[in-house]
C-alpha atoms as a PDB file:
ATOM      1  CA  MET A   1       0.016  -0.101  -0.043  1.00  0.00           C
ATOM      2  CA  MET A   2       1.476   3.322  -1.037  1.00  0.00           C
ATOM      3  CA  ASN A   3       2.077   5.643   1.618  1.00  0.00           C
ATOM      4  CA  GLU A   4      -0.509   7.789   2.261  1.00  0.00           C
ATOM      5  CA  LEU A   5       1.479  10.754   3.163  1.00  0.00           C
ATOM      6  CA  VAL A   6       3.314  10.001  -0.514  1.00  0.00           C
ATOM      7  CA  ARG A   7       0.262   9.696  -2.038  1.00  0.00           C
ATOM      8  CA  GLU A   8      -1.567  13.070  -0.844  1.00  0.00           C
ATOM      9  CA  VAL A   9       2.138  14.990  -2.096  1.00  0.00           C
ATOM     10  CA  MET A  10       2.144  13.264  -5.400  1.00  0.00           C
ATOM     11  CA  ASN A  11      -1.516  14.755  -6.137  1.00  0.00           C
ATOM     12  CA  GLU A  12      -0.520  17.991  -5.020  1.00  0.00           C
ATOM     13  CA  THR A  13       2.157  18.067  -7.498  1.00  0.00           C
ATOM     14  CA  GLY A  14       0.232  17.085 -10.199  1.00  0.00           C
ATOM     15  CA  ILE A  15       1.237  13.163 -10.338  1.00  0.00           C
ATOM     16  CA  TYR A  16      -2.311  10.901 -10.454  1.00  0.00           C
ATOM     17  CA  THR A  17      -2.355   7.348  -9.497  1.00  0.00           C
ATOM     18  CA  GLU A  18      -5.993   6.706 -10.741  1.00  0.00           C
ATOM     19  CA  GLY A  19      -5.673   4.830 -13.945  1.00  0.00           C
ATOM     20  CA  MET A  20      -1.834   4.585 -13.997  1.00  0.00           C
ATOM     21  CA  PRO A  21      -0.496   1.058 -15.822  1.00  0.00           C
ATOM     22  CA  GLU A  22       0.045  -1.329 -12.905  1.00  0.00           C
ATOM     23  CA  GLU A  23       3.746  -1.919 -13.561  1.00  0.00           C
ATOM     24  CA  LYS A  24       4.534   2.098 -12.783  1.00  0.00           C
ATOM     25  CA  LEU A  25       1.740   2.024  -9.865  1.00  0.00           C
ATOM     26  CA  ARG A  26       4.250  -1.161  -8.434  1.00  0.00           C
ATOM     27  CA  ASP A  27       7.422   1.130  -8.989  1.00  0.00           C
ATOM     28  CA  LEU A  28       5.668   4.207  -7.249  1.00  0.00           C
ATOM     29  CA  GLU A  29       4.968   2.266  -4.632  1.00  0.00           C
ATOM     30  CA  ASN A  30       8.417   1.085  -4.242  1.00  0.00           C
ATOM     31  CA  LYS A  31       9.861   4.631  -4.029  1.00  0.00           C
ATOM     32  CA  SER A  32       7.275   5.775  -1.630  1.00  0.00           C
ATOM     33  CA  GLU A  33       8.605   2.929   0.555  1.00  0.00           C
ATOM     34  CA  LYS A  34      11.986   3.713   0.376  1.00  0.00           C
ATOM     35  CA  ILE A  35      11.251   7.110   0.732  1.00  0.00           C
ATOM     36  CA  ALA A  36       9.730   6.667   4.353  1.00  0.00           C
ATOM     37  CA  LYS A  37      12.305   4.434   5.416  1.00  0.00           C
ATOM     38  CA  GLU A  38      14.670   6.897   4.398  1.00  0.00           C
ATOM     39  CA  TRP A  39      12.968   9.366   6.299  1.00  0.00           C
ATOM     40  CA  ASN A  40      12.998   7.510   9.641  1.00  0.00           C
ATOM     41  CA  ASN A  41      16.881   6.882   9.072  1.00  0.00           C
ATOM     42  CA  LEU A  42      17.940  10.290   7.819  1.00  0.00           C
ATOM     43  CA  LYS A  43      21.179  11.340   9.730  1.00  0.00           C
ATOM     44  CA  ILE A  44      23.210  14.470  10.282  1.00  0.00           C
ATOM     45  CA  THR A  45      24.866  13.995   7.061  1.00  0.00           C
ATOM     46  CA  ASN A  46      21.519  13.923   4.939  1.00  0.00           C
ATOM     47  CA  ASP A  47      21.627  17.967   3.641  1.00  0.00           C
ATOM     48  CA  PHE A  48      17.792  18.512   4.196  1.00  0.00           C
ATOM     49  CA  ILE A  49      18.271  17.719   7.712  1.00  0.00           C
ATOM     50  CA  PHE A  50      21.483  19.518   8.428  1.00  0.00           C
ATOM     51  CA  CYS A  51      19.933  22.575   6.635  1.00  0.00           C
ATOM     52  CA  LYS A  52      17.133  22.090   9.310  1.00  0.00           C
ATOM     53  CA  VAL A  53      18.840  21.246  12.508  1.00  0.00           C
ATOM     54  CA  MET A  54      20.865  24.137  11.666  1.00  0.00           C
ATOM     55  CA  GLN A  55      17.998  26.673  11.658  1.00  0.00           C
ATOM     56  CA  ASP A  56      18.858  26.596  15.426  1.00  0.00           C
ATOM     57  CA  LYS A  57      21.222  29.870  15.683  1.00  0.00           C
ATOM     58  CA  GLU A  58      22.467  28.566  18.879  1.00  0.00           C
ATOM     59  CA  LEU A  59      23.839  25.247  17.242  1.00  0.00           C
ATOM     60  CA  LEU A  60      24.653  26.755  14.167  1.00  0.00           C
ATOM     61  CA  ALA A  61      26.788  29.469  16.020  1.00  0.00           C
ATOM     62  CA  GLY A  62      28.503  26.543  17.652  1.00  0.00           C
ATOM     63  CA  LEU A  63      29.550  24.953  14.792  1.00  0.00           C
ATOM     64  CA  ILE A  64      30.997  27.669  13.648  1.00  0.00           C
ATOM     65  CA  ARG A  65      32.873  28.500  16.730  1.00  0.00           C
ATOM     66  CA  ILE A  66      34.447  25.272  15.975  1.00  0.00           C
ATOM     67  CA  ILE A  67      35.176  25.230  12.744  1.00  0.00           C
ATOM     68  CA  ILE A  68      36.831  29.144  12.781  1.00  0.00           C
ATOM     69  CA  PRO A  69      37.905  29.290  16.441  1.00  0.00           C
ATOM     70  CA  GLU A  70      39.031  32.729  15.392  1.00  0.00           C
ATOM     71  CA  LEU A  71      36.653  34.676  13.716  1.00  0.00           C
ATOM     72  CA  GLU A  72      34.707  37.107  15.982  1.00  0.00           C
ATOM     73  CA  PHE A  73      30.850  38.045  15.477  1.00  0.00           C
ATOM     74  CA  LYS A  74      27.854  38.163  18.084  1.00  0.00           C
ATOM     75  CA  ASP A  75      25.019  37.715  15.665  1.00  0.00           C
ATOM     76  CA  PHE A  76      24.236  36.525  12.063  1.00  0.00           C
ATOM     77  CA  GLU A  77      21.696  36.596   9.595  1.00  0.00           C
ATOM     78  CA  LEU A  78      21.163  32.855   8.055  1.00  0.00           C
ATOM     79  CA  THR A  79      19.414  31.860   5.124  1.00  0.00           C
ATOM     80  CA  SER A  80      18.772  28.205   4.803  1.00  0.00           C
ATOM     81  CA  GLN A  81      19.122  26.445   0.918  1.00  0.00           C
ATOM     82  CA  LYS A  82      19.444  29.978  -0.418  1.00  0.00           C
ATOM     83  CA  GLU A  83      19.206  29.434  -3.897  1.00  0.00           C
ATOM     84  CA  ILE A  84      21.207  32.117  -6.385  1.00  0.00           C
ATOM     85  CA  ASN A  85      19.900  32.223 -10.150  1.00  0.00           C
ATOM     86  CA  ILE A  86      21.678  35.109 -12.345  1.00  0.00           C
ATOM     87  CA  GLY A  87      20.163  33.971 -15.656  1.00  0.00           C
ATOM     88  CA  ASN A  88      18.609  30.876 -17.714  1.00  0.00           C
ATOM     89  CA  ASP A  89      22.145  30.482 -19.593  1.00  0.00           C
ATOM     90  CA  ILE A  90      24.295  30.310 -15.808  1.00  0.00           C
ATOM     91  CA  HIS A  91      24.746  27.940 -13.478  1.00  0.00           C
ATOM     92  CA  GLY A  92      22.357  28.711 -10.648  1.00  0.00           C
ATOM     93  CA  VAL A  93      23.544  27.191  -6.955  1.00  0.00           C
ATOM     94  CA  ARG A  94      21.714  26.378  -3.682  1.00  0.00           C
ATOM     95  CA  PHE A  95      24.043  26.963  -0.397  1.00  0.00           C
ATOM     96  CA  ASP A  96      22.959  24.533   2.610  1.00  0.00           C
ATOM     97  CA  VAL A  97      23.710  27.176   5.022  1.00  0.00           C
ATOM     98  CA  PHE A  98      24.534  30.912   3.925  1.00  0.00           C
ATOM     99  CA  VAL A  99      25.751  33.331   6.633  1.00  0.00           C
ATOM    100  CA  LYS A 100      26.509  37.144   6.822  1.00  0.00           C
ATOM    101  CA  SER A 101      28.135  37.851  10.546  1.00  0.00           C
ATOM    102  CA  ASN A 102      27.153  41.193  12.196  1.00  0.00           C
ATOM    103  CA  LYS A 103      30.510  42.204  11.122  1.00  0.00           C
ATOM    104  CA  GLY A 104      29.592  41.510   7.213  1.00  0.00           C
ATOM    105  CA  THR A 105      31.721  38.077   7.059  1.00  0.00           C
ATOM    106  CA  VAL A 106      30.107  35.635   4.366  1.00  0.00           C
ATOM    107  CA  ILE A 107      30.317  31.774   5.436  1.00  0.00           C
ATOM    108  CA  ASP A 108      28.493  29.549   3.642  1.00  0.00           C
ATOM    109  CA  ILE A 109      28.514  25.479   5.257  1.00  0.00           C
ATOM    110  CA  GLU A 110      27.855  22.648   2.239  1.00  0.00           C
ATOM    111  CA  MET A 111      27.442  19.172   3.688  1.00  0.00           C
ATOM    112  CA  GLN A 112      28.845  16.524   0.833  1.00  0.00           C
ATOM    113  CA  VAL A 113      28.574  12.752   0.773  1.00  0.00           C
ATOM    114  CA  ILE A 114      29.262  11.840  -2.817  1.00  0.00           C
ATOM    115  CA  ASP A 115      32.497  12.525  -4.198  1.00  0.00           C
ATOM    116  CA  LEU A 116      32.397  13.412  -7.687  1.00  0.00           C
ATOM    117  CA  ARG A 117      35.891  14.234  -7.615  1.00  0.00           C
ATOM    118  CA  ASN A 118      35.011  18.264  -8.200  1.00  0.00           C
ATOM    119  CA  MET A 119      35.140  19.713  -5.017  1.00  0.00           C
ATOM    120  CA  PRO A 120      37.691  22.228  -5.672  1.00  0.00           C
ATOM    121  CA  MET A 121      36.275  23.907  -9.112  1.00  0.00           C
ATOM    122  CA  ARG A 122      32.523  23.234  -7.218  1.00  0.00           C
ATOM    123  CA  MET A 123      34.129  25.568  -3.835  1.00  0.00           C
ATOM    124  CA  ARG A 124      35.125  27.976  -6.394  1.00  0.00           C
ATOM    125  CA  TYR A 125      32.095  28.782  -8.136  1.00  0.00           C
ATOM    126  CA  TYR A 126      30.514  28.328  -4.588  1.00  0.00           C
ATOM    127  CA  GLY A 127      32.908  31.224  -3.459  1.00  0.00           C
ATOM    128  CA  SER A 128      32.453  33.356  -7.071  1.00  0.00           C
ATOM    129  CA  MET A 129      28.442  32.963  -6.591  1.00  0.00           C
ATOM    130  CA  SER A 130      28.619  33.841  -3.143  1.00  0.00           C
ATOM    131  CA  ASP A 131      30.249  36.983  -3.923  1.00  0.00           C
ATOM    132  CA  VAL A 132      28.057  38.185  -6.992  1.00  0.00           C
ATOM    133  CA  VAL A 133      25.192  37.885  -4.190  1.00  0.00           C
ATOM    134  CA  THR A 134      26.901  40.056  -1.488  1.00  0.00           C
ATOM    135  CA  LEU A 135      28.626  42.839  -3.603  1.00  0.00           C
ATOM    136  CA  GLU A 136      25.387  45.430  -4.724  1.00  0.00           C
ATOM    137  CA  LYS A 137      25.264  47.580  -7.511  1.00  0.00           C
ATOM    138  CA  GLY A 138      27.515  50.399  -7.086  1.00  0.00           C
ATOM    139  CA  GLU A 139      29.528  49.036  -4.467  1.00  0.00           C
ATOM    140  CA  HIS A 140      33.309  48.446  -4.767  1.00  0.00           C
ATOM    141  CA  TYR A 141      35.513  45.519  -5.123  1.00  0.00           C
ATOM    142  CA  GLU A 142      36.705  46.879  -1.913  1.00  0.00           C
ATOM    143  CA  ASP A 143      33.596  46.609  -0.263  1.00  0.00           C
ATOM    144  CA  LEU A 144      33.918  42.597  -0.435  1.00  0.00           C
ATOM    145  CA  ASN A 145      33.799  40.987   2.873  1.00  0.00           C
ATOM    146  CA  ASP A 146      36.063  38.157   3.811  1.00  0.00           C
ATOM    147  CA  ARG A 147      34.274  34.738   2.762  1.00  0.00           C
ATOM    148  CA  TYR A 148      34.358  31.435   4.140  1.00  0.00           C
ATOM    149  CA  ILE A 149      33.171  28.458   2.150  1.00  0.00           C
ATOM    150  CA  ILE A 150      33.043  25.628   4.498  1.00  0.00           C
ATOM    151  CA  THR A 151      31.975  21.817   2.730  1.00  0.00           C
ATOM    152  CA  ILE A 152      31.973  18.602   5.388  1.00  0.00           C
ATOM    153  CA  CYS A 153      32.766  15.621   3.652  1.00  0.00           C
ATOM    154  CA  THR A 154      32.610  11.814   4.954  1.00  0.00           C
ATOM    155  CA  PHE A 155      34.941  11.331   2.548  1.00  0.00           C
ATOM    156  CA  ASP A 156      38.776  12.561   2.136  1.00  0.00           C
ATOM    157  CA  TYR A 157      39.170  14.389  -1.056  1.00  0.00           C
ATOM    158  CA  TYR A 158      43.065  14.575  -1.126  1.00  0.00           C
ATOM    159  CA  LYS A 159      43.899  11.188   0.678  1.00  0.00           C
ATOM    160  CA  LYS A 160      46.692  12.422   2.666  1.00  0.00           C
ATOM    161  CA  GLY A 161      44.627  11.529   6.445  1.00  0.00           C
ATOM    162  CA  LEU A 162      43.635  14.768   7.412  1.00  0.00           C
ATOM    163  CA  HIS A 163      40.528  15.983   9.236  1.00  0.00           C
ATOM    164  CA  ARG A 164      41.044  19.463   7.840  1.00  0.00           C
ATOM    165  CA  TYR A 165      42.316  21.074   4.790  1.00  0.00           C
ATOM    166  CA  THR A 166      42.342  24.773   5.204  1.00  0.00           C
ATOM    167  CA  PHE A 167      43.327  27.020   1.528  1.00  0.00           C
ATOM    168  CA  THR A 168      44.282  30.676   1.058  1.00  0.00           C
ATOM    169  CA  ASN A 169      45.682  32.794  -1.785  1.00  0.00           C
ATOM    170  CA  ARG A 170      49.221  32.852  -0.997  1.00  0.00           C
ATOM    171  CA  CYS A 171      52.476  33.887  -3.424  1.00  0.00           C
ATOM    172  CA  HIS A 172      54.328  30.775  -4.948  1.00  0.00           C
ATOM    173  CA  GLU A 173      57.617  33.026  -4.747  1.00  0.00           C
ATOM    174  CA  ILE A 174      57.593  34.292  -1.248  1.00  0.00           C
ATOM    175  CA  ASN A 175      56.701  32.398   1.477  1.00  0.00           C
ATOM    176  CA  ASN A 176      53.658  33.246   4.076  1.00  0.00           C
ATOM    177  CA  LEU A 177      52.873  36.121   1.520  1.00  0.00           C
ATOM    178  CA  GLU A 178      49.180  36.113   1.497  1.00  0.00           C
ATOM    179  CA  MET A 179      47.315  37.544  -1.648  1.00  0.00           C
ATOM    180  CA  GLY A 180      44.740  39.345   1.143  1.00  0.00           C
ATOM    181  CA  ASP A 181      41.546  38.799  -0.903  1.00  0.00           C
ATOM    182  CA  GLY A 182      39.966  37.451   2.029  1.00  0.00           C
ATOM    183  CA  THR A 183      39.204  33.920   1.255  1.00  0.00           C
ATOM    184  CA  THR A 184      39.151  31.078   2.979  1.00  0.00           C
ATOM    185  CA  ASN A 185      38.196  27.546   1.806  1.00  0.00           C
ATOM    186  CA  ILE A 186      37.706  24.799   4.159  1.00  0.00           C
ATOM    187  CA  LEU A 187      37.635  21.325   3.253  1.00  0.00           C
ATOM    188  CA  LEU A 188      36.794  18.724   6.650  1.00  0.00           C
ATOM    189  CA  ASN A 189      37.329  15.057   6.579  1.00  0.00           C
ATOM    190  CA  ALA A 190      35.118  12.934   8.975  1.00  0.00           C
ATOM    191  CA  SER A 191      37.003   9.878   7.927  1.00  0.00           C
ATOM    192  CA  GLY A 192      40.516  11.197   8.607  1.00  0.00           C
ATOM    193  CA  THR A 193      43.333   9.385  10.248  1.00  0.00           C
ATOM    194  CA  GLU A 194      45.584  11.924  11.493  1.00  0.00           C
ATOM    195  CA  GLU A 195      46.141  13.419  14.877  1.00  0.00           C
ATOM    196  CA  ASP A 196      45.678  17.168  13.543  1.00  0.00           C
ATOM    197  CA  VAL A 197      42.532  18.521  15.324  1.00  0.00           C
ATOM    198  CA  HIS A 198      41.161  17.821  18.551  1.00  0.00           C
ATOM    199  CA  GLY A 199      38.230  18.801  20.919  1.00  0.00           C
ATOM    200  CA  THR A 200      34.862  18.985  19.950  1.00  0.00           C
ATOM    201  CA  LEU A 201      35.756  19.737  15.845  1.00  0.00           C
ATOM    202  CA  LYS A 202      37.169  15.947  16.197  1.00  0.00           C
ATOM    203  CA  GLU A 203      34.069  14.775  18.225  1.00  0.00           C
ATOM    204  CA  PHE A 204      32.011  16.641  15.533  1.00  0.00           C
ATOM    205  CA  LEU A 205      33.645  14.859  12.812  1.00  0.00           C
ATOM    206  CA  ASN A 206      33.261  11.394  14.584  1.00  0.00           C
ATOM    207  CA  TYR A 207      29.948  12.076  14.776  1.00  0.00           C
ATOM    208  CA  VAL A 208      29.558  12.722  10.899  1.00  0.00           C
ATOM    209  CA  ALA A 209      31.693   9.401  10.329  1.00  0.00           C
ATOM    210  CA  GLY A 210      28.625   7.769  12.511  1.00  0.00           C
ATOM    211  CA  LYS A 211      30.661   7.540  15.846  1.00  0.00           C
ATOM    212  CA  THR A 212      29.562   7.648  19.068  1.00  0.00           C
ATOM    213  CA  THR A 213      30.504  10.241  21.335  1.00  0.00           C
ATOM    214  CA  ASP A 214      29.530  12.280  24.882  1.00  0.00           C
ATOM    215  CA  ASP A 215      30.836  15.997  23.507  1.00  0.00           C
ATOM    216  CA  GLU A 216      28.264  18.099  25.159  1.00  0.00           C
ATOM    217  CA  TYR A 217      27.664  19.838  21.881  1.00  0.00           C
ATOM    218  CA  VAL A 218      27.147  16.784  19.573  1.00  0.00           C
ATOM    219  CA  LYS A 219      24.650  15.472  21.935  1.00  0.00           C
ATOM    220  CA  LYS A 220      22.581  18.881  21.215  1.00  0.00           C
ATOM    221  CA  LEU A 221      23.228  18.206  18.016  1.00  0.00           C
ATOM    222  CA  GLU A 222      21.799  14.841  18.232  1.00  0.00           C
ATOM    223  CA  GLU A 223      18.698  15.663  19.858  1.00  0.00           C
ATOM    224  CA  ALA A 224      18.403  18.086  17.433  1.00  0.00           C
ATOM    225  CA  VAL A 225      18.136  15.620  14.314  1.00  0.00           C
ATOM    226  CA  ASN A 226      16.013  13.086  16.731  1.00  0.00           C
ATOM    227  CA  LYS A 227      13.814  16.183  16.683  1.00  0.00           C
ATOM    228  CA  ALA A 228      14.070  17.122  13.146  1.00  0.00           C
ATOM    229  CA  ARG A 229      12.664  14.002  12.312  1.00  0.00           C
ATOM    230  CA  LYS A 230       9.416  13.971  14.597  1.00  0.00           C
ATOM    231  CA  ASN A 231       8.386  17.415  12.787  1.00  0.00           C
ATOM    232  CA  LYS A 232       5.329  16.370  10.420  1.00  0.00           C
ATOM    233  CA  GLU A 233       6.108  19.753   8.625  1.00  0.00           C
ATOM    234  CA  TRP A 234       9.750  19.050   7.445  1.00  0.00           C
ATOM    235  CA  ARG A 235       8.793  15.191   6.724  1.00  0.00           C
ATOM    236  CA  ARG A 236       5.831  16.434   4.179  1.00  0.00           C
ATOM    237  CA  GLU A 237       8.657  18.622   2.613  1.00  0.00           C
ATOM    238  CA  PHE A 238      11.198  16.162   2.412  1.00  0.00           C
ATOM    239  CA  VAL A 239       8.583  13.781   1.020  1.00  0.00           C
ATOM    240  CA  MET A 240       7.369  16.427  -1.802  1.00  0.00           C
ATOM    241  CA  LEU A 241      11.096  17.150  -2.503  1.00  0.00           C
ATOM    242  CA  SER A 242      11.922  13.546  -2.659  1.00  0.00           C
ATOM    243  CA  MET A 243       9.083  13.134  -5.278  1.00  0.00           C
ATOM    244  CA  ARG A 244       9.864  16.264  -7.381  1.00  0.00           C
ATOM    245  CA  ASP A 245      13.812  14.856  -7.813  1.00  0.00           C
ATOM    246  CA  MET A 246      12.627  11.612  -8.966  1.00  0.00           C
ATOM    247  CA  ASP A 247      10.718  13.628 -11.627  1.00  0.00           C
ATOM    248  CA  LYS A 248      13.800  15.917 -12.338  1.00  0.00           C
ATOM    249  CA  ARG A 249      16.211  12.431 -12.398  1.00  0.00           C
ATOM    250  CA  LYS A 250      13.685  10.649 -14.787  1.00  0.00           C
ATOM    251  CA  GLU A 251      13.978  13.967 -16.918  1.00  0.00           C
ATOM    252  CA  GLY A 252      17.472  13.744 -16.992  1.00  0.00           C
ATOM    253  CA  ILE A 253      17.915  10.115 -17.903  1.00  0.00           C
ATOM    254  CA  ILE A 254      15.172  10.680 -20.888  1.00  0.00           C
ATOM    255  CA  GLU A 255      17.791  13.362 -21.959  1.00  0.00           C
ATOM    256  CA  GLY A 256      20.292  10.843 -21.857  1.00  0.00           C
ATOM    257  CA  HIS A 257      18.140   8.691 -23.441  1.00  0.00           C
ATOM    258  CA  LYS A 258      18.150  10.895 -26.373  1.00  0.00           C
ATOM    259  CA  GLU A 259      21.773  11.137 -26.352  1.00  0.00           C
ATOM    260  CA  GLY A 260      22.057   7.317 -26.621  1.00  0.00           C
ATOM    261  CA  ILE A 261      22.572   6.408 -22.844  1.00  0.00           C
ATOM    262  CA  ASN A 262      20.277   3.629 -21.304  1.00  0.00           C
ATOM    263  CA  ASP A 263      18.702   2.904 -17.575  1.00  0.00           C
ATOM    264  CA  GLU A 264      21.718   0.455 -17.431  1.00  0.00           C
ATOM    265  CA  GLN A 265      24.326   2.445 -18.817  1.00  0.00           C
ATOM    266  CA  HIS A 266      23.336   5.408 -16.068  1.00  0.00           C
ATOM    267  CA  ARG A 267      23.405   3.342 -13.186  1.00  0.00           C
ATOM    268  CA  ILE A 268      26.749   1.975 -14.145  1.00  0.00           C
ATOM    269  CA  ILE A 269      28.137   5.645 -14.621  1.00  0.00           C
ATOM    270  CA  GLU A 270      26.252   7.084 -11.069  1.00  0.00           C
ATOM    271  CA  ARG A 271      27.483   3.915  -8.822  1.00  0.00           C
ATOM    272  CA  LEU A 272      31.180   4.519 -10.395  1.00  0.00           C
ATOM    273  CA  LEU A 273      30.918   8.342  -9.990  1.00  0.00           C
ATOM    274  CA  LYS A 274      29.483   7.608  -6.057  1.00  0.00           C
ATOM    275  CA  LYS A 275      32.900   5.345  -5.679  1.00  0.00           C
ATOM    276  CA  GLY A 276      34.731   8.456  -6.111  1.00  0.00           C
ATOM    277  CA  LYS A 277      35.792   7.714  -9.861  1.00  0.00           C
ATOM    278  CA  SER A 278      36.624  10.606 -12.145  1.00  0.00           C
ATOM    279  CA  VAL A 279      34.980  10.917 -15.464  1.00  0.00           C
ATOM    280  CA  GLU A 280      37.628  10.224 -17.345  1.00  0.00           C
ATOM    281  CA  GLU A 281      38.459   7.143 -15.351  1.00  0.00           C
ATOM    282  CA  VAL A 282      35.027   6.204 -15.916  1.00  0.00           C
ATOM    283  CA  ALA A 283      34.935   6.499 -19.641  1.00  0.00           C
ATOM    284  CA  ASP A 284      38.157   4.340 -19.596  1.00  0.00           C
ATOM    285  CA  LEU A 285      36.900   1.542 -17.757  1.00  0.00           C
ATOM    286  CA  CYS A 286      33.275   1.754 -19.530  1.00  0.00           C
ATOM    287  CA  GLY A 287      33.892   3.358 -23.112  1.00  0.00           C
ATOM    288  CA  TYR A 288      31.360   5.678 -22.542  1.00  0.00           C
ATOM    289  CA  SER A 289      31.718   9.348 -24.081  1.00  0.00           C
ATOM    290  CA  LEU A 290      33.262  11.755 -21.598  1.00  0.00           C
ATOM    291  CA  GLU A 291      29.724  13.727 -22.572  1.00  0.00           C
ATOM    292  CA  LEU A 292      27.204  10.796 -21.702  1.00  0.00           C
ATOM    293  CA  ILE A 293      29.313  10.491 -18.346  1.00  0.00           C
ATOM    294  CA  LYS A 294      29.633  14.223 -17.733  1.00  0.00           C
ATOM    295  CA  GLU A 295      25.589  14.494 -17.813  1.00  0.00           C
ATOM    296  CA  VAL A 296      25.332  11.320 -15.303  1.00  0.00           C
ATOM    297  CA  GLN A 297      27.547  13.817 -13.224  1.00  0.00           C
ATOM    298  CA  ASN A 298      24.925  17.116 -13.569  1.00  0.00           C
ATOM    299  CA  ILE A 299      21.802  14.765 -12.946  1.00  0.00           C
ATOM    300  CA  ILE A 300      23.278  13.032  -9.290  1.00  0.00           C
ATOM    301  CA  SER A 301      24.997  16.634  -8.269  1.00  0.00           C
ATOM    302  CA  GLU A 302      22.068  19.175  -8.574  1.00  0.00           C
END
């Protein structure tokens, strides 16, 4: 029996089951059951739950201070899942957690569980888009505020074992000479093996990795996650977004079909990309064109 909430959401979004072929109906029932189970098992690593939990400004302020202890602020403006679209022909972005402190510092925090091997370019683009949205018309370049792009990963993108990789723009010719553009990119790795971080930051990353901890901040975070899963409005929103993503994914696959890719090829490419293979590696392994693989990459990364 199809989950009643899912059926209701489907009707609201224009997906009606009346008169639907039996095979398609069974497929939707399986998907609805999967969505219901997924909601009951969501953890902090799910970007939907992460965004909802971080609406608690006390928890968010605590996380910012854990990651950037040197940053001074008293208050901040928060936008959860802020969308930036500046043109039909320009790739938009949706920030998980977008913050502007009372001193003007911009902080974007993202949760990433799939290694699509494009993290540096992704952070570069998110940084540029955050600059676009914060520099208003008539303002000058020097009016740009300091900016932090923080990505919390469940995997080690650079495979060096560190829990934290911090990047700023520096001069190659003169040691310790900073460019001074106010930009900092921080990549946090929950699967780190080195003793490079300590205290609550390490306990938080252990929690992201699925480990238990007695840290007080992490306990509050876990309580917030459990409370979020009991929120009926958020549950409804999650189901609706999941159903829409299903449609979007289907459209992407259909477009892939037009380019000569079938469902099985799509699944193979997606599985390899999620295992951390690069576009070039997938092409070499499967013999598919780079264009087709990049099309699948775009579908699963949006």
